[in-house]
PDB file of N, CA and C in Angstrom:
ATOM      1  N   MET A   1      54.272 -31.911  61.694  1.00  0.00           N
ATOM      2  CA  MET A   1      52.869 -31.499  61.628  1.00  0.00           C
ATOM      3  C   MET A   1      51.994 -32.562  62.282  1.00  0.00           C
ATOM      4  N   ILE A   2      51.029 -32.131  63.054  1.00  0.00           N
ATOM      5  CA  ILE A   2      50.132 -33.047  63.756  1.00  0.00           C
ATOM      6  C   ILE A   2      49.051 -33.524  62.789  1.00  0.00           C
ATOM      7  N   GLU A   3      48.871 -34.840  62.718  1.00  0.00           N
ATOM      8  CA  GLU A   3      47.831 -35.431  61.872  1.00  0.00           C
ATOM      9  C   GLU A   3      46.450 -35.140  62.456  1.00  0.00           C
ATOM     10  N   LEU A   4      45.447 -35.022  61.574  1.00  0.00           N
ATOM     11  CA  LEU A   4      44.060 -34.806  61.972  1.00  0.00           C
ATOM     12  C   LEU A   4      43.211 -35.894  61.338  1.00  0.00           C
ATOM     13  N   ILE A   5      42.498 -36.641  62.166  1.00  0.00           N
ATOM     14  CA  ILE A   5      41.555 -37.646  61.674  1.00  0.00           C
ATOM     15  C   ILE A   5      40.155 -37.129  61.984  1.00  0.00           C
ATOM     16  N   LYS A   6      39.301 -37.083  60.976  1.00  0.00           N
ATOM     17  CA  LYS A   6      37.906 -36.681  61.177  1.00  0.00           C
ATOM     18  C   LYS A   6      37.057 -37.945  61.227  1.00  0.00           C
ATOM     19  N   VAL A   7      36.262 -38.058  62.282  1.00  0.00           N
ATOM     20  CA  VAL A   7      35.428 -39.240  62.495  1.00  0.00           C
ATOM     21  C   VAL A   7      33.967 -38.833  62.402  1.00  0.00           C
ATOM     22  N   SER A   8      33.182 -39.615  61.666  1.00  0.00           N
ATOM     23  CA  SER A   8      31.738 -39.369  61.573  1.00  0.00           C
ATOM     24  C   SER A   8      30.995 -40.495  62.276  1.00  0.00           C
ATOM     25  N   LYS A   9      29.694 -40.333  62.403  1.00  0.00           N
ATOM     26  CA  LYS A   9      28.889 -41.370  63.057  1.00  0.00           C
ATOM     27  C   LYS A   9      28.858 -42.658  62.237  1.00  0.00           C
ATOM     28  N   ASN A  10      29.192 -42.560  60.951  1.00  0.00           N
ATOM     29  CA  ASN A  10      29.194 -43.728  60.075  1.00  0.00           C
ATOM     30  C   ASN A  10      30.584 -44.335  59.885  1.00  0.00           C
ATOM     31  N   SER A  11      31.585 -43.788  60.573  1.00  0.00           N
ATOM     32  CA  SER A  11      32.953 -44.295  60.423  1.00  0.00           C
ATOM     33  C   SER A  11      33.062 -45.725  60.935  1.00  0.00           C
ATOM     34  N   ASN A  12      33.871 -46.524  60.239  1.00  0.00           N
ATOM     35  CA  ASN A  12      34.158 -47.890  60.663  1.00  0.00           C
ATOM     36  C   ASN A  12      35.130 -47.823  61.839  1.00  0.00           C
ATOM     37  N   VAL A  13      34.699 -48.274  63.002  1.00  0.00           N
ATOM     38  CA  VAL A  13      35.479 -48.161  64.227  1.00  0.00           C
ATOM     39  C   VAL A  13      36.827 -48.868  64.100  1.00  0.00           C
ATOM     40  N   ASN A  14      36.845 -50.054  63.516  1.00  0.00           N
ATOM     41  CA  ASN A  14      38.098 -50.795  63.390  1.00  0.00           C
ATOM     42  C   ASN A  14      39.072 -50.113  62.438  1.00  0.00           C
ATOM     43  N   ALA A  15      38.560 -49.505  61.380  1.00  0.00           N
ATOM     44  CA  ALA A  15      39.428 -48.782  60.442  1.00  0.00           C
ATOM     45  C   ALA A  15      40.021 -47.546  61.115  1.00  0.00           C
ATOM     46  N   VAL A  16      39.216 -46.820  61.880  1.00  0.00           N
ATOM     47  CA  VAL A  16      39.713 -45.641  62.605  1.00  0.00           C
ATOM     48  C   VAL A  16      40.745 -46.072  63.646  1.00  0.00           C
ATOM     49  N   ALA A  17      40.473 -47.161  64.355  1.00  0.00           N
ATOM     50  CA  ALA A  17      41.422 -47.672  65.352  1.00  0.00           C
ATOM     51  C   ALA A  17      42.754 -48.036  64.693  1.00  0.00           C
ATOM     52  N   GLY A  18      42.696 -48.669  63.545  1.00  0.00           N
ATOM     53  CA  GLY A  18      43.915 -49.014  62.820  1.00  0.00           C
ATOM     54  C   GLY A  18      44.695 -47.778  62.408  1.00  0.00           C
ATOM     55  N   SER A  19      43.986 -46.752  61.976  1.00  0.00           N
ATOM     56  CA  SER A  19      44.644 -45.493  61.600  1.00  0.00           C
ATOM     57  C   SER A  19      45.301 -44.836  62.804  1.00  0.00           C
ATOM     58  N   ILE A  20      44.587 -44.805  63.923  1.00  0.00           N
ATOM     59  CA  ILE A  20      45.140 -44.215  65.138  1.00  0.00           C
ATOM     60  C   ILE A  20      46.403 -44.964  65.557  1.00  0.00           C
ATOM     61  N   ALA A  21      46.329 -46.285  65.594  1.00  0.00           N
ATOM     62  CA  ALA A  21      47.483 -47.095  66.010  1.00  0.00           C
ATOM     63  C   ALA A  21      48.662 -46.899  65.075  1.00  0.00           C
ATOM     64  N   SER A  22      48.403 -46.884  63.782  1.00  0.00           N
ATOM     65  CA  SER A  22      49.475 -46.715  62.799  1.00  0.00           C
ATOM     66  C   SER A  22      50.165 -45.364  62.947  1.00  0.00           C
ATOM     67  N   ILE A  23      49.384 -44.315  63.085  1.00  0.00           N
ATOM     68  CA  ILE A  23      49.950 -42.971  63.220  1.00  0.00           C
ATOM     69  C   ILE A  23      50.722 -42.845  64.530  1.00  0.00           C
ATOM     70  N   MET A  24      50.158 -43.385  65.608  1.00  0.00           N
ATOM     71  CA  MET A  24      50.790 -43.224  66.921  1.00  0.00           C
ATOM     72  C   MET A  24      52.051 -44.064  67.082  1.00  0.00           C
ATOM     73  N   ARG A  25      52.251 -45.080  66.244  1.00  0.00           N
ATOM     74  CA  ARG A  25      53.515 -45.817  66.274  1.00  0.00           C
ATOM     75  C   ARG A  25      54.661 -44.920  65.798  1.00  0.00           C
ATOM     76  N   GLY A  26      54.352 -43.988  64.900  1.00  0.00           N
ATOM     77  CA  GLY A  26      55.388 -43.148  64.311  1.00  0.00           C
ATOM     78  C   GLY A  26      55.427 -41.716  64.806  1.00  0.00           C
ATOM     79  N   GLN A  27      54.384 -41.281  65.499  1.00  0.00           N
ATOM     80  CA  GLN A  27      54.326 -39.895  65.963  1.00  0.00           C
ATOM     81  C   GLN A  27      53.972 -39.853  67.449  1.00  0.00           C
ATOM     82  N   ASN A  28      54.153 -38.695  68.051  1.00  0.00           N
ATOM     83  CA  ASN A  28      53.859 -38.534  69.472  1.00  0.00           C
ATOM     84  C   ASN A  28      52.496 -37.934  69.755  1.00  0.00           C
ATOM     85  N   GLN A  29      51.835 -37.395  68.714  1.00  0.00           N
ATOM     86  CA  GLN A  29      50.573 -36.694  68.937  1.00  0.00           C
ATOM     87  C   GLN A  29      49.686 -36.810  67.711  1.00  0.00           C
ATOM     88  N   LEU A  30      48.370 -36.763  67.936  1.00  0.00           N
ATOM     89  CA  LEU A  30      47.367 -36.897  66.889  1.00  0.00           C
ATOM     90  C   LEU A  30      46.111 -36.185  67.363  1.00  0.00           C
ATOM     91  N   ILE A  31      45.349 -35.614  66.434  1.00  0.00           N
ATOM     92  CA  ILE A  31      44.067 -34.999  66.788  1.00  0.00           C
ATOM     93  C   ILE A  31      42.955 -35.766  66.085  1.00  0.00           C
ATOM     94  N   VAL A  32      41.939 -36.158  66.865  1.00  0.00           N
ATOM     95  CA  VAL A  32      40.742 -36.805  66.327  1.00  0.00           C
ATOM     96  C   VAL A  32      39.606 -35.796  66.491  1.00  0.00           C
ATOM     97  N   GLN A  33      38.957 -35.450  65.374  1.00  0.00           N
ATOM     98  CA  GLN A  33      37.903 -34.428  65.400  1.00  0.00           C
ATOM     99  C   GLN A  33      36.541 -35.061  65.158  1.00  0.00           C
ATOM    100  N   THR A  34      35.554 -34.672  65.990  1.00  0.00           N
ATOM    101  CA  THR A  34      34.191 -35.182  65.863  1.00  0.00           C
ATOM    102  C   THR A  34      33.194 -34.035  65.917  1.00  0.00           C
ATOM    103  N   VAL A  35      32.052 -34.223  65.288  1.00  0.00           N
ATOM    104  CA  VAL A  35      30.941 -33.277  65.400  1.00  0.00           C
ATOM    105  C   VAL A  35      29.687 -34.112  65.662  1.00  0.00           C
ATOM    106  N   GLY A  36      29.140 -33.974  66.843  1.00  0.00           N
ATOM    107  CA  GLY A  36      27.937 -34.717  67.197  1.00  0.00           C
ATOM    108  C   GLY A  36      28.230 -35.925  68.076  1.00  0.00           C
ATOM    109  N   ALA A  37      27.186 -36.363  68.779  1.00  0.00           N
ATOM    110  CA  ALA A  37      27.325 -37.450  69.740  1.00  0.00           C
ATOM    111  C   ALA A  37      27.690 -38.774  69.084  1.00  0.00           C
ATOM    112  N   GLY A  38      27.112 -39.052  67.923  1.00  0.00           N
ATOM    113  CA  GLY A  38      27.389 -40.316  67.236  1.00  0.00           C
ATOM    114  C   GLY A  38      28.839 -40.447  66.816  1.00  0.00           C
ATOM    115  N   SER A  39      29.391 -39.364  66.311  1.00  0.00           N
ATOM    116  CA  SER A  39      30.790 -39.420  65.876  1.00  0.00           C
ATOM    117  C   SER A  39      31.741 -39.485  67.071  1.00  0.00           C
ATOM    118  N   LEU A  40      31.397 -38.811  68.168  1.00  0.00           N
ATOM    119  CA  LEU A  40      32.218 -38.894  69.377  1.00  0.00           C
ATOM    120  C   LEU A  40      32.208 -40.324  69.922  1.00  0.00           C
ATOM    121  N   ASN A  41      31.063 -40.963  69.888  1.00  0.00           N
ATOM    122  CA  ASN A  41      30.946 -42.355  70.319  1.00  0.00           C
ATOM    123  C   ASN A  41      31.868 -43.254  69.489  1.00  0.00           C
ATOM    124  N   GLN A  42      31.848 -43.090  68.177  1.00  0.00           N
ATOM    125  CA  GLN A  42      32.707 -43.897  67.311  1.00  0.00           C
ATOM    126  C   GLN A  42      34.183 -43.634  67.603  1.00  0.00           C
ATOM    127  N   ALA A  43      34.529 -42.377  67.838  1.00  0.00           N
ATOM    128  CA  ALA A  43      35.927 -42.019  68.106  1.00  0.00           C
ATOM    129  C   ALA A  43      36.413 -42.633  69.408  1.00  0.00           C
ATOM    130  N   ILE A  44      35.589 -42.610  70.443  1.00  0.00           N
ATOM    131  CA  ILE A  44      35.977 -43.174  71.736  1.00  0.00           C
ATOM    132  C   ILE A  44      36.152 -44.690  71.623  1.00  0.00           C
ATOM    133  N   LYS A  45      35.241 -45.350  70.912  1.00  0.00           N
ATOM    134  CA  LYS A  45      35.385 -46.795  70.715  1.00  0.00           C
ATOM    135  C   LYS A  45      36.670 -47.104  69.947  1.00  0.00           C
ATOM    136  N   ALA A  46      36.954 -46.326  68.908  1.00  0.00           N
ATOM    137  CA  ALA A  46      38.173 -46.530  68.121  1.00  0.00           C
ATOM    138  C   ALA A  46      39.420 -46.316  68.969  1.00  0.00           C
ATOM    139  N   LEU A  47      39.386 -45.320  69.840  1.00  0.00           N
ATOM    140  CA  LEU A  47      40.519 -45.051  70.720  1.00  0.00           C
ATOM    141  C   LEU A  47      40.754 -46.223  71.673  1.00  0.00           C
ATOM    142  N   ALA A  48      39.688 -46.792  72.206  1.00  0.00           N
ATOM    143  CA  ALA A  48      39.815 -47.946  73.102  1.00  0.00           C
ATOM    144  C   ALA A  48      40.418 -49.148  72.366  1.00  0.00           C
ATOM    145  N   ILE A  49      39.989 -49.367  71.137  1.00  0.00           N
ATOM    146  CA  ILE A  49      40.525 -50.480  70.343  1.00  0.00           C
ATOM    147  C   ILE A  49      41.992 -50.229  70.009  1.00  0.00           C
ATOM    148  N   ALA A  50      42.323 -49.010  69.595  1.00  0.00           N
ATOM    149  CA  ALA A  50      43.711 -48.671  69.257  1.00  0.00           C
ATOM    150  C   ALA A  50      44.616 -48.838  70.466  1.00  0.00           C
ATOM    151  N   ARG A  51      44.128 -48.466  71.626  1.00  0.00           N
ATOM    152  CA  ARG A  51      44.906 -48.641  72.859  1.00  0.00           C
ATOM    153  C   ARG A  51      45.218 -50.112  73.077  1.00  0.00           C
ATOM    154  N   GLY A  52      44.246 -50.972  72.796  1.00  0.00           N
ATOM    155  CA  GLY A  52      44.462 -52.417  72.907  1.00  0.00           C
ATOM    156  C   GLY A  52      45.534 -52.922  71.947  1.00  0.00           C
ATOM    157  N   TYR A  53      45.625 -52.302  70.762  1.00  0.00           N
ATOM    158  CA  TYR A  53      46.667 -52.668  69.795  1.00  0.00           C
ATOM    159  C   TYR A  53      48.049 -52.240  70.290  1.00  0.00           C
ATOM    160  N   LEU A  54      48.139 -51.076  70.938  1.00  0.00           N
ATOM    161  CA  LEU A  54      49.434 -50.471  71.250  1.00  0.00           C
ATOM    162  C   LEU A  54      49.980 -50.811  72.635  1.00  0.00           C
ATOM    163  N   THR A  55      49.123 -51.041  73.607  1.00  0.00           N
ATOM    164  CA  THR A  55      49.573 -51.287  74.977  1.00  0.00           C
ATOM    165  C   THR A  55      50.554 -52.463  75.089  1.00  0.00           C
ATOM    166  N   PRO A  56      50.322 -53.585  74.412  1.00  0.00           N
ATOM    167  CA  PRO A  56      51.278 -54.693  74.529  1.00  0.00           C
ATOM    168  C   PRO A  56      52.695 -54.352  74.052  1.00  0.00           C
ATOM    169  N   SER A  57      52.825 -53.372  73.171  1.00  0.00           N
ATOM    170  CA  SER A  57      54.152 -52.993  72.683  1.00  0.00           C
ATOM    171  C   SER A  57      54.753 -51.834  73.478  1.00  0.00           C
ATOM    172  N   GLY A  58      54.136 -51.497  74.615  1.00  0.00           N
ATOM    173  CA  GLY A  58      54.705 -50.478  75.501  1.00  0.00           C
ATOM    174  C   GLY A  58      54.315 -49.053  75.172  1.00  0.00           C
ATOM    175  N   ILE A  59      53.246 -48.868  74.403  1.00  0.00           N
ATOM    176  CA  ILE A  59      52.770 -47.521  74.067  1.00  0.00           C
ATOM    177  C   ILE A  59      51.432 -47.292  74.757  1.00  0.00           C
ATOM    178  N   GLU A  60      51.369 -46.270  75.588  1.00  0.00           N
ATOM    179  CA  GLU A  60      50.130 -45.897  76.273  1.00  0.00           C
ATOM    180  C   GLU A  60      49.596 -44.617  75.634  1.00  0.00           C
ATOM    181  N   LEU A  61      48.273 -44.538  75.471  1.00  0.00           N
ATOM    182  CA  LEU A  61      47.638 -43.361  74.871  1.00  0.00           C
ATOM    183  C   LEU A  61      46.870 -42.582  75.928  1.00  0.00           C
ATOM    184  N   TYR A  62      46.998 -41.260  75.867  1.00  0.00           N
ATOM    185  CA  TYR A  62      46.255 -40.355  76.732  1.00  0.00           C
ATOM    186  C   TYR A  62      45.499 -39.381  75.846  1.00  0.00           C
ATOM    187  N   SER A  63      44.307 -38.993  76.280  1.00  0.00           N
ATOM    188  CA  SER A  63      43.455 -38.124  75.478  1.00  0.00           C
ATOM    189  C   SER A  63      43.075 -36.871  76.252  1.00  0.00           C
ATOM    190  N   TYR A  64      43.104 -35.738  75.556  1.00  0.00           N
ATOM    191  CA  TYR A  64      42.737 -34.446  76.138  1.00  0.00           C
ATOM    192  C   TYR A  64      41.691 -33.790  75.235  1.00  0.00           C
ATOM    193  N   PRO A  65      40.454 -33.606  75.718  1.00  0.00           N
ATOM    194  CA  PRO A  65      39.402 -33.026  74.881  1.00  0.00           C
ATOM    195  C   PRO A  65      39.444 -31.496  74.843  1.00  0.00           C
ATOM    196  N   SER A  66      38.971 -30.945  73.731  1.00  0.00           N
ATOM    197  CA  SER A  66      38.825 -29.495  73.584  1.00  0.00           C
ATOM    198  C   SER A  66      37.732 -29.208  72.560  1.00  0.00           C
ATOM    199  N   PHE A  67      37.294 -27.965  72.505  1.00  0.00           N
ATOM    200  CA  PHE A  67      36.281 -27.544  71.535  1.00  0.00           C
ATOM    201  C   PHE A  67      36.937 -26.763  70.407  1.00  0.00           C
ATOM    202  N   LYS A  68      36.342 -26.822  69.206  1.00  0.00           N
ATOM    203  CA  LYS A  68      36.833 -26.078  68.049  1.00  0.00           C
ATOM    204  C   LYS A  68      35.628 -25.726  67.181  1.00  0.00           C
ATOM    205  N   GLU A  69      35.515 -24.461  66.816  1.00  0.00           N
ATOM    206  CA  GLU A  69      34.464 -24.035  65.891  1.00  0.00           C
ATOM    207  C   GLU A  69      34.886 -24.401  64.466  1.00  0.00           C
ATOM    208  N   VAL A  70      34.006 -25.081  63.728  1.00  0.00           N
ATOM    209  CA  VAL A  70      34.293 -25.488  62.348  1.00  0.00           C
ATOM    210  C   VAL A  70      33.128 -25.087  61.452  1.00  0.00           C
ATOM    211  N   ILE A  71      33.404 -24.914  60.173  1.00  0.00           N
ATOM    212  CA  ILE A  71      32.374 -24.587  59.188  1.00  0.00           C
ATOM    213  C   ILE A  71      32.056 -25.854  58.390  1.00  0.00           C
ATOM    214  N   ILE A  72      30.782 -26.260  58.433  1.00  0.00           N
ATOM    215  CA  ILE A  72      30.326 -27.420  57.675  1.00  0.00           C
ATOM    216  C   ILE A  72      29.084 -26.999  56.907  1.00  0.00           C
ATOM    217  N   ASP A  73      29.110 -27.143  55.597  1.00  0.00           N
ATOM    218  CA  ASP A  73      27.988 -26.733  54.738  1.00  0.00           C
ATOM    219  C   ASP A  73      27.564 -25.292  55.019  1.00  0.00           C
ATOM    220  N   LYS A  74      28.557 -24.408  55.124  1.00  0.00           N
ATOM    221  CA  LYS A  74      28.358 -22.971  55.354  1.00  0.00           C
ATOM    222  C   LYS A  74      27.699 -22.649  56.693  1.00  0.00           C
ATOM    223  N   MET A  75      27.758 -23.607  57.625  1.00  0.00           N
ATOM    224  CA  MET A  75      27.206 -23.386  58.966  1.00  0.00           C
ATOM    225  C   MET A  75      28.322 -23.599  59.991  1.00  0.00           C
ATOM    226  N   THR A  76      28.314 -22.792  61.036  1.00  0.00           N
ATOM    227  CA  THR A  76      29.300 -22.945  62.101  1.00  0.00           C
ATOM    228  C   THR A  76      28.801 -23.991  63.093  1.00  0.00           C
ATOM    229  N   LYS A  77      29.653 -24.972  63.356  1.00  0.00           N
ATOM    230  CA  LYS A  77      29.326 -26.030  64.305  1.00  0.00           C
ATOM    231  C   LYS A  77      30.453 -26.139  65.313  1.00  0.00           C
ATOM    232  N   THR A  78      30.156 -26.717  66.456  1.00  0.00           N
ATOM    233  CA  THR A  78      31.169 -26.935  67.480  1.00  0.00           C
ATOM    234  C   THR A  78      31.643 -28.379  67.403  1.00  0.00           C
ATOM    235  N   ALA A  79      32.924 -28.539  67.151  1.00  0.00           N
ATOM    236  CA  ALA A  79      33.532 -29.868  67.104  1.00  0.00           C
ATOM    237  C   ALA A  79      34.192 -30.154  68.446  1.00  0.00           C
ATOM    238  N   ILE A  80      34.255 -31.430  68.781  1.00  0.00           N
ATOM    239  CA  ILE A  80      35.062 -31.866  69.919  1.00  0.00           C
ATOM    240  C   ILE A  80      36.313 -32.497  69.337  1.00  0.00           C
ATOM    241  N   ARG A  81      37.454 -31.996  69.787  1.00  0.00           N
ATOM    242  CA  ARG A  81      38.741 -32.528  69.346  1.00  0.00           C
ATOM    243  C   ARG A  81      39.374 -33.297  70.489  1.00  0.00           C
ATOM    244  N   LEU A  82      39.820 -34.495  70.194  1.00  0.00           N
ATOM    245  CA  LEU A  82      40.557 -35.302  71.157  1.00  0.00           C
ATOM    246  C   LEU A  82      42.023 -35.275  70.740  1.00  0.00           C
ATOM    247  N   THR A  83      42.850 -34.639  71.544  1.00  0.00           N
ATOM    248  CA  THR A  83      44.278 -34.648  71.294  1.00  0.00           C
ATOM    249  C   THR A  83      44.820 -35.911  71.946  1.00  0.00           C
ATOM    250  N   ILE A  84      45.387 -36.792  71.145  1.00  0.00           N
ATOM    251  CA  ILE A  84      45.922 -38.062  71.613  1.00  0.00           C
ATOM    252  C   ILE A  84      47.431 -37.925  71.743  1.00  0.00           C
ATOM    253  N   VAL A  85      47.947 -38.291  72.901  1.00  0.00           N
ATOM    254  CA  VAL A  85      49.376 -38.184  73.179  1.00  0.00           C
ATOM    255  C   VAL A  85      49.912 -39.565  73.524  1.00  0.00           C
ATOM    256  N   LYS A  86      51.099 -39.868  73.000  1.00  0.00           N
ATOM    257  CA  LYS A  86      51.744 -41.166  73.243  1.00  0.00           C
ATOM    258  C   LYS A  86      52.746 -41.037  74.380  1.00  0.00           C
ATOM    259  N   LYS A  87      52.735 -42.041  75.253  1.00  0.00           N
ATOM    260  CA  LYS A  87      53.763 -42.157  76.297  1.00  0.00           C
ATOM    261  C   LYS A  87      54.270 -43.586  76.284  1.00  0.00           C
ATOM    262  N   LEU A  88      55.589 -43.739  76.310  1.00  0.00           N
ATOM    263  CA  LEU A  88      56.190 -45.068  76.309  1.00  0.00           C
ATOM    264  C   LEU A  88      56.254 -45.600  77.734  1.00  0.00           C
ATOM    265  N   THR A  89      55.866 -46.866  77.913  1.00  0.00           N
ATOM    266  CA  THR A  89      55.864 -47.453  79.251  1.00  0.00           C
ATOM    267  C   THR A  89      56.997 -48.451  79.451  1.00  0.00           C
ATOM    268  N   LYS A  90      57.633 -48.878  78.394  1.00  0.00           N
ATOM    269  CA  LYS A  90      58.734 -49.855  78.505  1.00  0.00           C
ATOM    270  C   LYS A  90      60.054 -49.194  78.281  1.00  0.00           C
TER     271      LYS A  90
END
């Protein structure tokens, strides 16, 4: 099963980066879900930090964006999902 991390504009970037790195050490794919510009900003920063954690050990991360309709507080919103894929370089 593919893990799903939800990131908000108030998420701690280093904590999200640590979660991404930890999951990607053991799995080949992960989905990071955001709603709004602030949360997307935090997710991208976390992805850059996580990449820095993993690249020295031969793990490269690639991201593919997509849209997903989600219900939040009984309202339909458009989320941006980043599908993160692991590729080994060593």
